[in-house]
């Protein structure tokens, strides 16, 4: 195995880990945000069905990515770009929801101490340094249960 083969293997592992991170982050952000928007809709607070539709479409993209990454070493460039776009949209939604909560707390004299940044909120409890196959397997299981009830 030559130097170039070692570098290719290292870069593929690095790319795969970054794809797993974004899938993990997107999956958990959707699981957090979608019920909040559905609850607001049911309470008559928000009638914006486009947000719920977008979150459902995002969930499908993420679950497809999780399934695909189970069978391949890395996702395609197109899939990676799509996941990054989903991530960007989720960050904007998260920001709007949690900035509203922050403003409400401030209006009632509370603090926003437990409102975390997007990247901090949607990471494994053990952190990325200790992220293991067990966490990935748990994510895959959750995604598969939802797509194959």
N, C-alpha and C. Protein backbone atom coordinates (compact mmCIF):
# COMPACT_ATOMS: atom_id res chain seq x y z
N UNK A 1 0.85 -1.17 0.00
CA UNK A 1 0.00 0.00 0.00
C UNK A 1 0.90 1.24 0.00
N UNK A 2 0.74 2.04 -0.99
CA UNK A 2 1.56 3.23 -1.12
C UNK A 2 1.02 4.41 -0.34
N UNK A 3 1.79 5.46 -0.36
CA UNK A 3 1.44 6.69 0.35
C UNK A 3 0.11 7.26 -0.14
N UNK A 4 -0.11 7.23 -1.44
CA UNK A 4 -1.33 7.76 -2.02
C UNK A 4 -2.55 6.97 -1.57
N UNK A 5 -2.42 5.64 -1.48
CA UNK A 5 -3.52 4.81 -1.01
C UNK A 5 -3.85 5.11 0.45
N UNK A 6 -2.82 5.31 1.27
CA UNK A 6 -3.04 5.65 2.68
C UNK A 6 -3.76 6.99 2.80
N UNK A 7 -3.33 7.96 2.00
CA UNK A 7 -3.96 9.28 2.04
C UNK A 7 -5.42 9.18 1.60
N UNK A 8 -5.68 8.41 0.56
CA UNK A 8 -7.05 8.24 0.07
C UNK A 8 -7.91 7.61 1.16
N UNK A 9 -7.40 6.59 1.81
CA UNK A 9 -8.15 5.94 2.90
C UNK A 9 -8.42 6.91 4.05
N UNK A 10 -7.41 7.70 4.41
CA UNK A 10 -7.57 8.67 5.50
C UNK A 10 -8.61 9.72 5.12
N UNK A 11 -8.54 10.23 3.88
CA UNK A 11 -9.47 11.28 3.47
C UNK A 11 -10.90 10.75 3.38
N UNK A 12 -11.07 9.50 2.95
CA UNK A 12 -12.41 8.92 2.91
C UNK A 12 -12.98 8.74 4.32
N UNK A 13 -12.15 8.31 5.27
CA UNK A 13 -12.61 8.17 6.65
C UNK A 13 -13.01 9.53 7.22
N UNK A 14 -12.21 10.54 6.93
CA UNK A 14 -12.50 11.90 7.41
C UNK A 14 -13.80 12.42 6.80
N UNK A 15 -14.00 12.20 5.51
CA UNK A 15 -15.21 12.63 4.83
C UNK A 15 -16.42 11.87 5.38
N UNK A 16 -16.27 10.58 5.58
CA UNK A 16 -17.37 9.78 6.13
C UNK A 16 -17.77 10.28 7.50
N UNK A 17 -16.80 10.58 8.35
CA UNK A 17 -17.11 11.08 9.69
C UNK A 17 -17.84 12.42 9.61
N UNK A 18 -17.42 13.30 8.72
CA UNK A 18 -18.10 14.59 8.60
C UNK A 18 -19.53 14.39 8.09
N UNK A 19 -19.74 13.41 7.20
CA UNK A 19 -21.09 13.12 6.72
C UNK A 19 -21.94 12.51 7.84
N UNK A 20 -21.36 11.67 8.65
CA UNK A 20 -22.08 11.10 9.79
C UNK A 20 -22.47 12.22 10.76
N UNK A 21 -21.57 13.15 10.99
CA UNK A 21 -21.87 14.26 11.90
C UNK A 21 -23.05 15.08 11.41
N UNK A 22 -23.05 15.41 10.13
CA UNK A 22 -24.14 16.24 9.62
C UNK A 22 -25.45 15.46 9.58
N UNK A 23 -25.39 14.18 9.29
CA UNK A 23 -26.60 13.35 9.35
C UNK A 23 -27.14 13.29 10.78
N UNK A 24 -26.25 13.09 11.73
CA UNK A 24 -26.64 13.03 13.15
C UNK A 24 -27.28 14.35 13.57
N UNK A 25 -26.61 15.44 13.25
CA UNK A 25 -27.09 16.76 13.64
C UNK A 25 -28.45 17.05 12.99
N UNK A 26 -28.57 16.80 11.70
CA UNK A 26 -29.82 17.05 11.00
C UNK A 26 -30.95 16.17 11.53
N UNK A 27 -30.66 14.90 11.76
CA UNK A 27 -31.67 13.96 12.24
C UNK A 27 -32.25 14.44 13.57
N UNK A 28 -31.37 14.79 14.50
CA UNK A 28 -31.83 15.20 15.83
C UNK A 28 -32.48 16.58 15.82
N UNK A 29 -32.02 17.47 14.96
CA UNK A 29 -32.66 18.78 14.85
C UNK A 29 -34.09 18.62 14.33
N UNK A 30 -34.29 17.79 13.34
CA UNK A 30 -35.63 17.55 12.79
C UNK A 30 -36.51 16.93 13.86
N UNK A 31 -35.98 15.96 14.59
CA UNK A 31 -36.76 15.32 15.66
C UNK A 31 -37.14 16.31 16.76
N UNK A 32 -36.37 17.34 16.94
CA UNK A 32 -36.67 18.36 17.94
C UNK A 32 -37.63 19.41 17.39
N UNK A 33 -37.40 19.89 16.18
CA UNK A 33 -38.16 21.00 15.63
C UNK A 33 -39.54 20.61 15.10
N UNK A 34 -39.64 19.46 14.44
CA UNK A 34 -40.91 19.08 13.82
C UNK A 34 -42.05 19.00 14.84
N UNK A 35 -41.89 18.34 15.98
CA UNK A 35 -43.00 18.30 16.95
C UNK A 35 -43.39 19.70 17.46
N UNK A 36 -42.41 20.60 17.57
CA UNK A 36 -42.73 21.95 18.02
C UNK A 36 -43.63 22.68 17.01
N UNK A 37 -43.31 22.55 15.74
CA UNK A 37 -44.13 23.20 14.71
C UNK A 37 -45.49 22.52 14.58
N UNK A 38 -45.53 21.20 14.75
CA UNK A 38 -46.82 20.51 14.71
C UNK A 38 -47.69 20.92 15.89
N UNK A 39 -47.10 21.09 17.05
CA UNK A 39 -47.84 21.53 18.24
C UNK A 39 -48.37 22.95 18.03
N UNK A 40 -47.54 23.83 17.47
CA UNK A 40 -47.99 25.19 17.20
C UNK A 40 -49.16 25.19 16.21
N UNK A 41 -49.08 24.33 15.20
CA UNK A 41 -50.17 24.24 14.22
C UNK A 41 -51.45 23.78 14.90
N UNK A 42 -51.35 22.75 15.74
CA UNK A 42 -52.53 22.22 16.43
C UNK A 42 -53.13 23.23 17.38
N UNK A 43 -52.28 24.07 17.98
CA UNK A 43 -52.76 25.10 18.90
C UNK A 43 -53.27 26.33 18.16
N UNK A 44 -53.14 26.35 16.85
CA UNK A 44 -53.59 27.48 16.07
C UNK A 44 -52.65 28.68 16.12
N UNK A 45 -51.45 28.47 16.63
CA UNK A 45 -50.47 29.56 16.74
C UNK A 45 -49.83 29.83 15.39
N UNK A 46 -49.61 28.79 14.64
CA UNK A 46 -48.94 28.96 13.35
C UNK A 46 -49.72 28.19 12.29
N UNK A 47 -49.96 28.82 11.18
CA UNK A 47 -50.66 28.13 10.09
C UNK A 47 -49.72 27.91 8.91
N UNK A 48 -48.43 28.02 9.15
CA UNK A 48 -47.46 27.91 8.07
C UNK A 48 -47.13 26.44 7.80
N UNK A 49 -47.92 25.84 6.93
CA UNK A 49 -47.73 24.44 6.58
C UNK A 49 -46.43 24.21 5.82
N UNK A 50 -45.90 25.25 5.18
CA UNK A 50 -44.69 25.08 4.39
C UNK A 50 -43.50 24.68 5.27
N UNK A 51 -43.46 25.15 6.51
CA UNK A 51 -42.37 24.78 7.41
C UNK A 51 -42.46 23.30 7.75
N UNK A 52 -43.65 22.84 8.07
CA UNK A 52 -43.83 21.42 8.41
C UNK A 52 -43.53 20.56 7.18
N UNK A 53 -43.99 20.97 6.02
CA UNK A 53 -43.70 20.23 4.79
C UNK A 53 -42.21 20.17 4.52
N UNK A 54 -41.53 21.29 4.74
CA UNK A 54 -40.08 21.33 4.54
C UNK A 54 -39.38 20.39 5.51
N UNK A 55 -39.80 20.40 6.76
CA UNK A 55 -39.17 19.51 7.75
C UNK A 55 -39.40 18.04 7.40
N UNK A 56 -40.58 17.72 6.91
CA UNK A 56 -40.85 16.33 6.49
C UNK A 56 -39.98 15.95 5.29
N UNK A 57 -39.81 16.88 4.36
CA UNK A 57 -38.93 16.63 3.20
C UNK A 57 -37.48 16.48 3.66
N UNK A 58 -37.07 17.33 4.59
CA UNK A 58 -35.70 17.23 5.14
C UNK A 58 -35.49 15.88 5.80
N UNK A 59 -36.51 15.42 6.54
CA UNK A 59 -36.38 14.13 7.23
C UNK A 59 -36.18 13.00 6.22
N UNK A 60 -36.89 13.08 5.10
CA UNK A 60 -36.74 12.05 4.07
C UNK A 60 -35.33 12.08 3.48
N UNK A 61 -34.81 13.27 3.21
CA UNK A 61 -33.45 13.41 2.67
C UNK A 61 -32.43 12.83 3.64
N UNK A 62 -32.58 13.16 4.91
CA UNK A 62 -31.63 12.70 5.94
C UNK A 62 -31.72 11.19 6.10
N UNK A 63 -32.92 10.66 6.17
CA UNK A 63 -33.06 9.21 6.32
C UNK A 63 -32.54 8.46 5.11
N UNK A 64 -32.73 9.02 3.92
CA UNK A 64 -32.14 8.42 2.71
C UNK A 64 -30.61 8.43 2.81
N UNK A 65 -30.05 9.53 3.29
CA UNK A 65 -28.60 9.63 3.46
C UNK A 65 -28.06 8.63 4.46
N UNK A 66 -28.80 8.45 5.55
CA UNK A 66 -28.39 7.46 6.55
C UNK A 66 -28.39 6.06 5.94
N UNK A 67 -29.46 5.73 5.22
CA UNK A 67 -29.54 4.43 4.58
C UNK A 67 -28.44 4.22 3.56
N UNK A 68 -28.18 5.25 2.76
CA UNK A 68 -27.14 5.17 1.74
C UNK A 68 -25.76 5.00 2.36
N UNK A 69 -25.50 5.71 3.45
CA UNK A 69 -24.18 5.63 4.08
C UNK A 69 -23.96 4.27 4.75
N UNK A 70 -25.03 3.56 5.02
CA UNK A 70 -24.88 2.19 5.56
C UNK A 70 -24.31 1.25 4.50
N UNK A 71 -24.55 1.56 3.23
CA UNK A 71 -24.15 0.67 2.15
C UNK A 71 -22.92 1.14 1.39
N UNK A 72 -22.50 2.37 1.63
CA UNK A 72 -21.36 2.88 0.89
C UNK A 72 -20.35 3.50 1.86
N UNK A 73 -19.15 3.74 1.35
CA UNK A 73 -18.10 4.34 2.17
C UNK A 73 -18.40 5.80 2.44
N UNK A 74 -18.76 6.54 1.40
CA UNK A 74 -19.11 7.95 1.52
C UNK A 74 -20.28 8.28 0.60
N UNK A 75 -20.96 9.37 0.90
CA UNK A 75 -22.04 9.84 0.05
C UNK A 75 -21.46 10.60 -1.14
N UNK A 76 -22.26 10.76 -2.16
CA UNK A 76 -21.81 11.50 -3.34
C UNK A 76 -21.71 12.99 -3.01
N UNK A 77 -21.05 13.72 -3.89
CA UNK A 77 -20.93 15.17 -3.72
C UNK A 77 -22.31 15.83 -3.71
N UNK A 78 -23.19 15.37 -4.58
CA UNK A 78 -24.55 15.92 -4.64
C UNK A 78 -25.30 15.69 -3.33
N UNK A 79 -25.18 14.49 -2.79
CA UNK A 79 -25.84 14.18 -1.51
C UNK A 79 -25.25 15.03 -0.39
N UNK A 80 -23.95 15.19 -0.38
CA UNK A 80 -23.30 16.02 0.64
C UNK A 80 -23.79 17.46 0.57
N UNK A 81 -23.89 18.01 -0.63
CA UNK A 81 -24.36 19.38 -0.81
C UNK A 81 -25.81 19.52 -0.35
N UNK A 82 -26.61 18.52 -0.64
CA UNK A 82 -28.01 18.54 -0.23
C UNK A 82 -28.12 18.53 1.30
N UNK A 83 -27.30 17.72 1.95
CA UNK A 83 -27.30 17.66 3.41
C UNK A 83 -26.83 18.97 4.02
N UNK A 84 -25.86 19.62 3.39
CA UNK A 84 -25.40 20.92 3.88
C UNK A 84 -26.49 21.98 3.73
N UNK A 85 -27.24 21.93 2.65
CA UNK A 85 -28.35 22.87 2.47
C UNK A 85 -29.43 22.63 3.52
N UNK A 86 -29.74 21.37 3.78
CA UNK A 86 -30.71 21.03 4.82
C UNK A 86 -30.22 21.56 6.16
N UNK A 87 -28.94 21.35 6.45
CA UNK A 87 -28.36 21.80 7.70
C UNK A 87 -28.48 23.31 7.85
N UNK A 88 -28.22 24.03 6.79
CA UNK A 88 -28.33 25.49 6.81
C UNK A 88 -29.76 25.93 7.09
N UNK A 89 -30.72 25.29 6.45
CA UNK A 89 -32.13 25.62 6.68
C UNK A 89 -32.55 25.28 8.12
N UNK A 90 -32.07 24.16 8.63
CA UNK A 90 -32.39 23.78 10.00
C UNK A 90 -31.80 24.77 11.00
N UNK A 91 -30.60 25.25 10.73
CA UNK A 91 -30.00 26.26 11.61
C UNK A 91 -30.84 27.53 11.64
N UNK A 92 -31.35 27.94 10.49
CA UNK A 92 -32.20 29.14 10.45
C UNK A 92 -33.50 28.92 11.22
N UNK A 93 -34.12 27.75 11.04
CA UNK A 93 -35.35 27.45 11.78
C UNK A 93 -35.09 27.41 13.28
N UNK A 94 -34.02 26.73 13.66
CA UNK A 94 -33.65 26.63 15.07
C UNK A 94 -33.45 28.02 15.65
N UNK A 95 -32.74 28.85 14.92
CA UNK A 95 -32.47 30.21 15.38
C UNK A 95 -33.76 30.98 15.58
N UNK A 96 -34.69 30.86 14.64
CA UNK A 96 -35.94 31.60 14.77
C UNK A 96 -36.77 31.10 15.96
N UNK A 97 -36.82 29.81 16.15
CA UNK A 97 -37.59 29.24 17.27
C UNK A 97 -36.96 29.63 18.60
N UNK A 98 -35.67 29.44 18.70
CA UNK A 98 -35.04 29.66 20.00
C UNK A 98 -34.76 31.14 20.29
N UNK A 99 -34.66 31.96 19.26
CA UNK A 99 -34.58 33.40 19.52
C UNK A 99 -35.91 33.90 20.05
N UNK A 100 -37.00 33.33 19.55
CA UNK A 100 -38.32 33.66 20.09
C UNK A 100 -38.44 33.27 21.55
N UNK A 101 -37.95 32.10 21.88
CA UNK A 101 -37.97 31.65 23.28
C UNK A 101 -37.09 32.54 24.14
N UNK A 102 -35.95 32.91 23.61
CA UNK A 102 -35.04 33.79 24.34
C UNK A 102 -35.71 35.14 24.62
N UNK A 103 -36.37 35.69 23.62
CA UNK A 103 -37.05 36.98 23.77
C UNK A 103 -38.19 36.87 24.78
N UNK A 104 -38.92 35.77 24.74
CA UNK A 104 -40.02 35.57 25.69
C UNK A 104 -39.49 35.48 27.12
N UNK A 105 -38.41 34.77 27.30
CA UNK A 105 -37.83 34.68 28.64
C UNK A 105 -37.36 36.04 29.14
N UNK A 106 -36.74 36.79 28.25
CA UNK A 106 -36.26 38.12 28.63
C UNK A 106 -37.44 39.03 28.99
N UNK A 107 -38.53 38.92 28.26
CA UNK A 107 -39.70 39.75 28.52
C UNK A 107 -40.30 39.45 29.89
N UNK A 108 -40.16 38.22 30.35
CA UNK A 108 -40.71 37.85 31.64
C UNK A 108 -39.66 37.78 32.74
N UNK A 109 -38.50 38.37 32.47
CA UNK A 109 -37.46 38.47 33.49
C UNK A 109 -36.61 37.24 33.66
N UNK A 110 -36.73 36.28 32.77
CA UNK A 110 -35.92 35.06 32.86
C UNK A 110 -34.59 35.22 32.14
N UNK A 111 -33.79 34.20 32.24
CA UNK A 111 -32.52 34.18 31.51
C UNK A 111 -32.60 33.11 30.43
N UNK A 112 -31.70 33.20 29.50
CA UNK A 112 -31.67 32.23 28.40
C UNK A 112 -30.48 31.30 28.54
N UNK A 113 -30.09 31.03 29.75
CA UNK A 113 -28.89 30.25 30.00
C UNK A 113 -28.87 28.87 29.38
N UNK A 114 -30.02 28.20 29.30
CA UNK A 114 -30.02 26.83 28.79
C UNK A 114 -30.30 26.75 27.30
N UNK A 115 -30.40 27.88 26.62
CA UNK A 115 -30.60 27.86 25.18
C UNK A 115 -29.24 27.75 24.50
N UNK A 116 -29.00 26.61 23.91
CA UNK A 116 -27.68 26.30 23.35
C UNK A 116 -27.57 26.67 21.88
N UNK A 117 -26.35 26.81 21.45
CA UNK A 117 -26.07 26.98 20.03
C UNK A 117 -26.46 25.69 19.31
N UNK A 118 -26.82 25.80 18.04
CA UNK A 118 -27.27 24.67 17.23
C UNK A 118 -26.29 23.50 17.29
N UNK A 119 -25.01 23.78 17.05
CA UNK A 119 -23.99 22.72 17.02
C UNK A 119 -23.84 22.05 18.38
N UNK A 120 -24.03 22.78 19.45
CA UNK A 120 -23.91 22.20 20.78
C UNK A 120 -25.15 21.39 21.15
N UNK A 121 -26.29 21.86 20.73
CA UNK A 121 -27.55 21.18 21.07
C UNK A 121 -27.66 19.82 20.38
N UNK A 122 -27.20 19.74 19.15
CA UNK A 122 -27.38 18.51 18.37
C UNK A 122 -26.06 17.80 18.15
N UNK A 123 -25.45 17.42 19.24
CA UNK A 123 -24.25 16.58 19.19
C UNK A 123 -24.44 15.48 20.22
N UNK A 124 -23.71 14.40 20.07
CA UNK A 124 -23.86 13.30 21.03
C UNK A 124 -23.49 13.76 22.44
N UNK A 125 -24.14 13.17 23.43
CA UNK A 125 -23.85 13.52 24.82
C UNK A 125 -22.38 13.28 25.17
N UNK A 126 -21.77 12.28 24.56
CA UNK A 126 -20.38 11.96 24.84
C UNK A 126 -19.42 12.85 24.06
N UNK A 127 -19.95 13.66 23.14
CA UNK A 127 -19.11 14.52 22.31
C UNK A 127 -18.64 13.79 21.07
N UNK A 128 -18.14 14.55 20.12
CA UNK A 128 -17.70 13.95 18.85
C UNK A 128 -16.41 13.17 19.01
N UNK A 129 -15.59 13.50 19.98
CA UNK A 129 -14.32 12.78 20.16
C UNK A 129 -14.55 11.33 20.56
N UNK A 130 -15.66 11.07 21.24
CA UNK A 130 -15.95 9.71 21.70
C UNK A 130 -17.10 9.06 20.94
N UNK A 131 -17.51 9.70 19.87
CA UNK A 131 -18.59 9.16 19.05
C UNK A 131 -18.16 7.79 18.55
N UNK A 132 -19.02 6.81 18.68
CA UNK A 132 -18.63 5.45 18.32
C UNK A 132 -19.65 4.81 17.39
N UNK A 133 -19.33 3.60 17.00
CA UNK A 133 -20.24 2.83 16.16
C UNK A 133 -21.58 2.60 16.84
N UNK A 134 -21.58 2.56 18.17
CA UNK A 134 -22.84 2.36 18.90
C UNK A 134 -23.82 3.51 18.64
N UNK A 135 -23.31 4.75 18.69
CA UNK A 135 -24.17 5.89 18.42
C UNK A 135 -24.67 5.88 16.98
N UNK A 136 -23.79 5.56 16.05
CA UNK A 136 -24.18 5.47 14.65
C UNK A 136 -25.23 4.38 14.47
N UNK A 137 -25.02 3.22 15.08
CA UNK A 137 -25.99 2.13 14.98
C UNK A 137 -27.35 2.53 15.55
N UNK A 138 -27.34 3.27 16.65
CA UNK A 138 -28.60 3.73 17.25
C UNK A 138 -29.33 4.69 16.31
N UNK A 139 -28.58 5.56 15.66
CA UNK A 139 -29.17 6.50 14.70
C UNK A 139 -29.76 5.74 13.52
N UNK A 140 -29.03 4.79 13.01
CA UNK A 140 -29.51 3.97 11.89
C UNK A 140 -30.79 3.24 12.30
N UNK A 141 -30.82 2.67 13.49
CA UNK A 141 -32.00 1.96 13.97
C UNK A 141 -33.21 2.87 14.04
N UNK A 142 -33.04 4.08 14.58
CA UNK A 142 -34.15 5.04 14.66
C UNK A 142 -34.67 5.38 13.28
N UNK A 143 -33.75 5.63 12.35
CA UNK A 143 -34.16 5.99 10.98
C UNK A 143 -34.88 4.82 10.31
N UNK A 144 -34.38 3.62 10.50
CA UNK A 144 -35.00 2.45 9.87
C UNK A 144 -36.38 2.16 10.46
N UNK A 145 -36.53 2.34 11.77
CA UNK A 145 -37.83 2.11 12.40
C UNK A 145 -38.86 3.07 11.84
N UNK A 146 -38.46 4.28 11.57
CA UNK A 146 -39.40 5.28 11.07
C UNK A 146 -39.75 5.00 9.60
N UNK A 147 -38.80 4.53 8.82
CA UNK A 147 -39.09 4.29 7.40
C UNK A 147 -39.70 2.92 7.16
N UNK A 148 -39.50 1.99 8.09
CA UNK A 148 -40.07 0.63 7.96
C UNK A 148 -40.81 0.27 9.24
N UNK A 149 -41.99 0.86 9.48
CA UNK A 149 -42.70 0.61 10.75
C UNK A 149 -43.15 -0.80 10.93
